[in-house]
Every structure is written in C-alpha cells, then in structure tokens.
Amino acid sequence: MDSQHPPLETLQDIKRMMEQSSRFISLSGWSGISAGVCALLGATAAQLRIVSYLQALRGDHTYESYYRGDTNSLSASAAALYNDLFLIAGITFIAAFISSFLFTRARSRRNGTSMWDRTVQRLAWNTVLPMMVGGFVILRLVESGFYGLVAPCCLIFYGLALVNASKYTLGEIRYLGYGQLILGIINLWTGGWGLYFWAAGFGILHIVYGAFMWWKYERQA
C-alpha cells in the first residue's frame, strides 16, 4: 500500500501546479474579514451622518425653512449629506482595498506566488469590468435622483464581478458573489433599507466568507 503514495503525491503536485498556473490561489481569508470590518465601520459612519441630518430637519432652521417655502437651505443640507455619504463610501472602499491587498500580498509571499502575472491580470480585468460598468450605471442613477437604487446596484454589480472572477481564483468566491446578488435583488423591492443591505453584503458576508476561507486554507499554516 505504501508504494501507492508516491504516485498519489505526484498527481497532487501536478494538480497544484496546474491550479497555480491558471488560478490565483493566494487570496487571504483575512482580506475578506478586513474588508467586511471596513464596510461595517463605513456603514456605521453613514448611519450616524443620516441620523444627524434627520435630527437637523426636525429641530433647526432647515426644517422650518421647508414650511416657509425657502428650500435653498434644505437643498444645501441634502447636498451636503450626499457629498458626505459619497466621501464615506470612497474612504471605506480605499481602506478595504488597501487592507485586502496587504493581507493578500503577505499570503502570496508566503506561498511564493506572483502578485502580477497573467493569471492575476485576468482576475483583475474580470473583476474590474463589471464594477466599472456598474459605476457608470450608479452615476447615472444618482444624476437622475434614483438614490434608492444605489445600494442594490452596488451589491448586484459587485456580485456579478465576483462570479465572473471566480474562474481565475478560488472557486468559493462565487458563493460570496451569489450572496451579494441575492441581497441586491431583494433590496430592489425594499426601499429605505439600502444601508442595512449594504452593510449585510459588504460587511457581514465578507467577514463570514473570510473566516471560512481562513479556516479552510490558512488555519493549519
């Protein structure tokens, strides 16, 4: 029976080499966890900003100006709110991207894999393309005033990007994409809950996915 182990180990080595040549397998579970934490912090900051805006509408001159017919103050306050929310979203994305990149680079170095070979380039392109298209769609929605569709479209296009990119990295990432798609589609018919769905998709699902990937691929190491 022992004589069968060397051929089996050889086949496993060949399989591993083929996977490394066609897939980027150094994604870190900590990348998903860190991105999820950043998303939850960003959602919390956005919620606090929205609450402060609503309190201002109820209590200060902005609310009174609305009933006096002076909508300039109200419009300025709403514009400031949207600018702050987009600023929070931008900072959250940058923080999540940097933290994910650092954890993935650390694991890539441990595995001795390149961070920018042809496989990674294909992975990046197949991830970025749906997100770029989604960005233009979301920009047009904002220009048209359909703010309630921003959160579900973020989830849907991000989910499509993950499913599309799963061919070039660990296959489990497609399930994270499915989860984003499901949440995004549900959120299309649940207006007013976009921030909570956004936090669930980009925050909680990322943390659950990252913890699972760490347990499966990195725990023993």
Protein backbone atom coordinates (compact mmCIF):
# COMPACT_ATOMS: atom_id res chain seq x y z
CA MET A 1 0.00 0.00 0.00
CA ASP A 2 2.85 2.40 0.74
CA SER A 3 4.05 2.11 -2.85
CA GLN A 4 0.88 3.88 -3.95
CA HIS A 5 1.64 7.07 -2.05
CA PRO A 6 4.42 8.49 -4.27
CA PRO A 7 2.27 8.38 -7.44
CA LEU A 8 -0.61 9.93 -5.49
CA GLU A 9 1.61 12.69 -4.18
CA THR A 10 2.92 13.27 -7.71
CA LEU A 11 -0.62 13.66 -9.03
CA GLN A 12 -1.42 16.11 -6.23
CA ASP A 13 1.69 18.12 -7.07
CA ILE A 14 0.70 18.21 -10.74
CA LYS A 15 -2.81 19.33 -9.83
CA ARG A 16 -1.41 22.03 -7.56
CA MET A 17 0.90 23.29 -10.31
CA MET A 18 -1.96 23.42 -12.81
CA GLU A 19 -4.10 25.39 -10.37
CA GLN A 20 -1.29 27.85 -9.72
CA SER A 21 -0.81 28.38 -13.45
CA SER A 22 -4.49 29.05 -14.17
CA ARG A 23 -5.82 30.48 -10.88
CA PHE A 24 -4.65 32.97 -8.30
CA ILE A 25 -4.97 30.92 -5.12
CA SER A 26 -3.29 33.28 -2.64
CA LEU A 27 -6.37 35.26 -1.67
CA SER A 28 -6.28 35.60 2.10
CA GLY A 29 -9.24 34.99 4.37
CA TRP A 30 -8.06 37.96 6.39
CA SER A 31 -8.63 40.09 3.29
CA GLY A 32 -12.33 39.30 3.40
CA ILE A 33 -12.50 39.87 7.14
CA SER A 34 -10.72 43.23 6.94
CA ALA A 35 -12.90 44.37 4.03
CA GLY A 36 -16.01 43.39 5.99
CA VAL A 37 -14.88 45.29 9.07
CA CYS A 38 -14.17 48.39 6.95
CA ALA A 39 -17.63 48.11 5.40
CA LEU A 40 -19.34 47.87 8.78
CA LEU A 41 -17.40 50.87 10.08
CA GLY A 42 -18.33 52.81 6.94
CA ALA A 43 -22.00 51.83 7.28
CA THR A 44 -21.95 52.95 10.91
CA ALA A 45 -20.46 56.32 9.95
CA ALA A 46 -23.05 56.73 7.19
CA GLN A 47 -25.88 55.87 9.56
CA LEU A 48 -24.67 58.43 12.11
CA ARG A 49 -24.49 61.07 9.37
CA ILE A 50 -28.03 60.27 8.21
CA VAL A 51 -29.34 60.42 11.78
CA SER A 52 -27.71 63.82 12.31
CA TYR A 53 -29.31 65.05 9.09
CA LEU A 54 -32.77 63.86 10.14
CA GLN A 55 -32.36 65.43 13.56
CA ALA A 56 -31.44 68.70 11.89
CA LEU A 57 -34.58 68.52 9.77
CA ARG A 58 -36.72 68.08 12.86
CA GLY A 59 -35.09 70.63 15.08
CA ASP A 60 -33.34 73.51 13.39
CA HIS A 61 -33.94 76.21 10.76
CA THR A 62 -33.65 73.76 7.86
CA TYR A 63 -36.94 72.14 8.82
CA GLU A 64 -38.62 75.47 9.40
CA SER A 65 -37.34 76.79 6.08
CA TYR A 66 -39.13 73.98 4.30
CA TYR A 67 -42.51 75.14 5.61
CA ARG A 68 -41.70 78.77 4.86
CA GLY A 69 -41.09 77.81 1.26
CA ASP A 70 -37.38 78.53 1.48
CA THR A 71 -35.97 75.33 0.00
CA ASN A 72 -32.47 76.66 -0.62
CA SER A 73 -31.32 75.77 2.88
CA LEU A 74 -32.95 72.36 2.64
CA SER A 75 -31.35 71.65 -0.72
CA ALA A 76 -27.94 72.70 0.57
CA SER A 77 -28.32 70.43 3.59
CA ALA A 78 -29.35 67.48 1.41
CA ALA A 79 -26.45 68.12 -0.97
CA ALA A 80 -24.05 68.17 1.97
CA LEU A 81 -25.49 64.87 3.15
CA TYR A 82 -25.00 63.19 -0.23
CA ASN A 83 -21.47 64.56 -0.50
CA ASP A 84 -20.62 63.22 2.95
CA LEU A 85 -22.10 59.82 2.15
CA PHE A 86 -20.09 59.54 -1.06
CA LEU A 87 -16.98 60.63 0.83
CA ILE A 88 -17.59 57.94 3.45
CA ALA A 89 -18.13 55.35 0.69
CA GLY A 90 -14.89 56.40 -1.02
CA ILE A 91 -12.85 56.22 2.19
CA THR A 92 -14.40 52.85 3.03
CA PHE A 93 -13.55 51.44 -0.40
CA ILE A 94 -9.95 52.68 -0.23
CA ALA A 95 -9.46 51.31 3.29
CA ALA A 96 -10.96 47.93 2.33
CA PHE A 97 -8.87 47.73 -0.83
CA ILE A 98 -5.60 48.57 0.93
CA SER A 99 -6.16 46.17 3.82
CA SER A 100 -7.20 43.36 1.46
CA PHE A 101 -4.19 44.00 -0.75
CA LEU A 102 -1.77 43.90 2.18
CA PHE A 103 -3.13 40.62 3.55
CA THR A 104 -3.19 39.03 0.09
CA ARG A 105 0.35 40.20 -0.64
CA ALA A 106 1.55 38.70 2.64
CA ARG A 107 -0.01 35.33 1.81
CA SER A 108 1.29 35.50 -1.76
CA ARG A 109 4.82 35.96 -0.43
CA ARG A 110 4.42 33.01 1.92
CA ASN A 111 3.21 30.86 -0.98
CA GLY A 112 5.91 32.13 -3.33
CA THR A 113 3.39 33.28 -5.95
CA SER A 114 3.46 36.42 -8.07
CA MET A 115 1.13 39.32 -7.40
CA TRP A 116 1.01 40.43 -11.04
CA ASP A 117 1.32 37.60 -13.53
CA ARG A 118 -1.05 36.86 -16.42
CA THR A 119 -3.44 34.98 -14.12
CA VAL A 120 -3.71 37.95 -11.77
CA GLN A 121 -4.18 40.28 -14.73
CA ARG A 122 -7.09 38.17 -16.00
CA LEU A 123 -8.52 38.09 -12.48
CA ALA A 124 -8.23 41.86 -12.16
CA TRP A 125 -9.82 42.53 -15.55
CA ASN A 126 -12.75 40.18 -14.98
CA THR A 127 -13.34 41.79 -11.58
CA VAL A 128 -12.95 45.41 -12.62
CA LEU A 129 -15.01 45.30 -15.83
CA PRO A 130 -18.44 44.58 -14.23
CA MET A 131 -17.64 47.04 -11.44
CA MET A 132 -16.74 49.78 -13.93
CA VAL A 133 -19.99 49.24 -15.82
CA GLY A 134 -21.85 49.28 -12.52
CA GLY A 135 -20.11 52.52 -11.57
CA PHE A 136 -21.41 54.25 -14.70
CA VAL A 137 -24.92 52.91 -14.08
CA ILE A 138 -24.85 54.10 -10.48
CA LEU A 139 -23.54 57.51 -11.53
CA ARG A 140 -26.45 57.88 -13.92
CA LEU A 141 -28.91 56.80 -11.23
CA VAL A 142 -27.55 59.45 -8.89
CA GLU A 143 -27.77 62.12 -11.58
CA SER A 144 -31.40 61.12 -12.16
CA GLY A 145 -32.23 61.18 -8.45
CA PHE A 146 -32.82 57.44 -8.02
CA TYR A 147 -30.84 57.24 -4.80
CA GLY A 148 -32.79 54.25 -3.52
CA LEU A 149 -31.32 52.08 -6.29
CA VAL A 150 -27.68 52.88 -5.49
CA ALA A 151 -27.22 50.27 -2.73
CA PRO A 152 -28.89 47.35 -4.58
CA CYS A 153 -26.97 48.15 -7.77
CA CYS A 154 -23.71 48.20 -5.81
CA LEU A 155 -24.48 44.73 -4.48
CA ILE A 156 -25.64 43.36 -7.83
CA PHE A 157 -22.71 44.54 -9.91
CA TYR A 158 -20.22 43.53 -7.21
CA GLY A 159 -21.82 40.10 -7.09
CA LEU A 160 -21.54 39.80 -10.87
CA ALA A 161 -17.87 40.80 -10.63
CA LEU A 162 -17.16 38.08 -8.05
CA VAL A 163 -18.94 35.37 -10.02
CA ASN A 164 -17.15 36.47 -13.19
CA ALA A 165 -13.76 36.46 -11.45
CA SER A 166 -14.23 33.09 -9.76
CA LYS A 167 -12.84 31.34 -12.85
CA TYR A 168 -9.41 32.78 -12.08
CA THR A 169 -9.20 32.37 -8.32
CA LEU A 170 -10.57 30.20 -5.52
CA GLY A 171 -13.93 28.82 -6.57
CA GLU A 172 -15.56 29.56 -3.22
CA ILE A 173 -15.64 33.24 -4.06
CA ARG A 174 -18.57 32.64 -6.39
CA TYR A 175 -20.74 31.85 -3.38
CA LEU A 176 -19.89 35.25 -1.93
CA GLY A 177 -20.98 36.66 -5.29
CA TYR A 178 -24.27 34.73 -5.15
CA GLY A 179 -24.93 36.15 -1.71
CA GLN A 180 -24.35 39.70 -2.95
CA LEU A 181 -26.68 39.13 -5.91
CA ILE A 182 -29.46 37.75 -3.70
CA LEU A 183 -29.24 40.67 -1.28
CA GLY A 184 -29.13 43.19 -4.13
CA ILE A 185 -32.17 41.74 -5.87
CA ILE A 186 -34.18 41.67 -2.63
CA ASN A 187 -33.15 45.25 -1.90
CA LEU A 188 -34.62 46.38 -5.24
CA TRP A 189 -38.07 45.92 -3.67
CA THR A 190 -37.24 47.05 -0.14
CA GLY A 191 -36.68 50.77 -0.44
CA GLY A 192 -35.35 52.60 2.57
CA TRP A 193 -33.27 49.66 3.79
CA GLY A 194 -30.39 50.09 1.38
CA LEU A 195 -27.77 50.89 4.01
CA TYR A 196 -28.65 47.78 6.01
CA PHE A 197 -28.45 45.54 2.94
CA TRP A 198 -25.19 47.26 2.00
CA ALA A 199 -23.79 46.52 5.46
CA ALA A 200 -25.01 42.92 5.30
CA GLY A 201 -23.49 42.30 1.87
CA PHE A 202 -20.20 44.16 2.05
CA GLY A 203 -19.78 43.74 5.79
CA ILE A 204 -21.25 40.57 7.27
CA LEU A 205 -20.96 38.36 4.18
CA HIS A 206 -17.32 39.37 3.72
CA ILE A 207 -16.50 38.53 7.32
CA VAL A 208 -18.26 35.15 7.13
CA TYR A 209 -16.57 34.36 3.81
CA GLY A 210 -13.15 35.47 5.08
CA ALA A 211 -13.46 33.42 8.26
CA PHE A 212 -14.46 30.34 6.26
CA MET A 213 -11.56 30.76 3.83
CA TRP A 214 -9.10 31.24 6.67
CA TRP A 215 -10.39 28.12 8.39
CA LYS A 216 -10.21 26.06 5.22
CA TYR A 217 -6.92 27.22 3.70
CA GLU A 218 -4.84 29.10 6.26
CA ARG A 219 -5.58 27.70 9.70
CA GLN A 220 -3.07 24.86 9.55
CA ALA A 221 -0.35 27.07 8.13
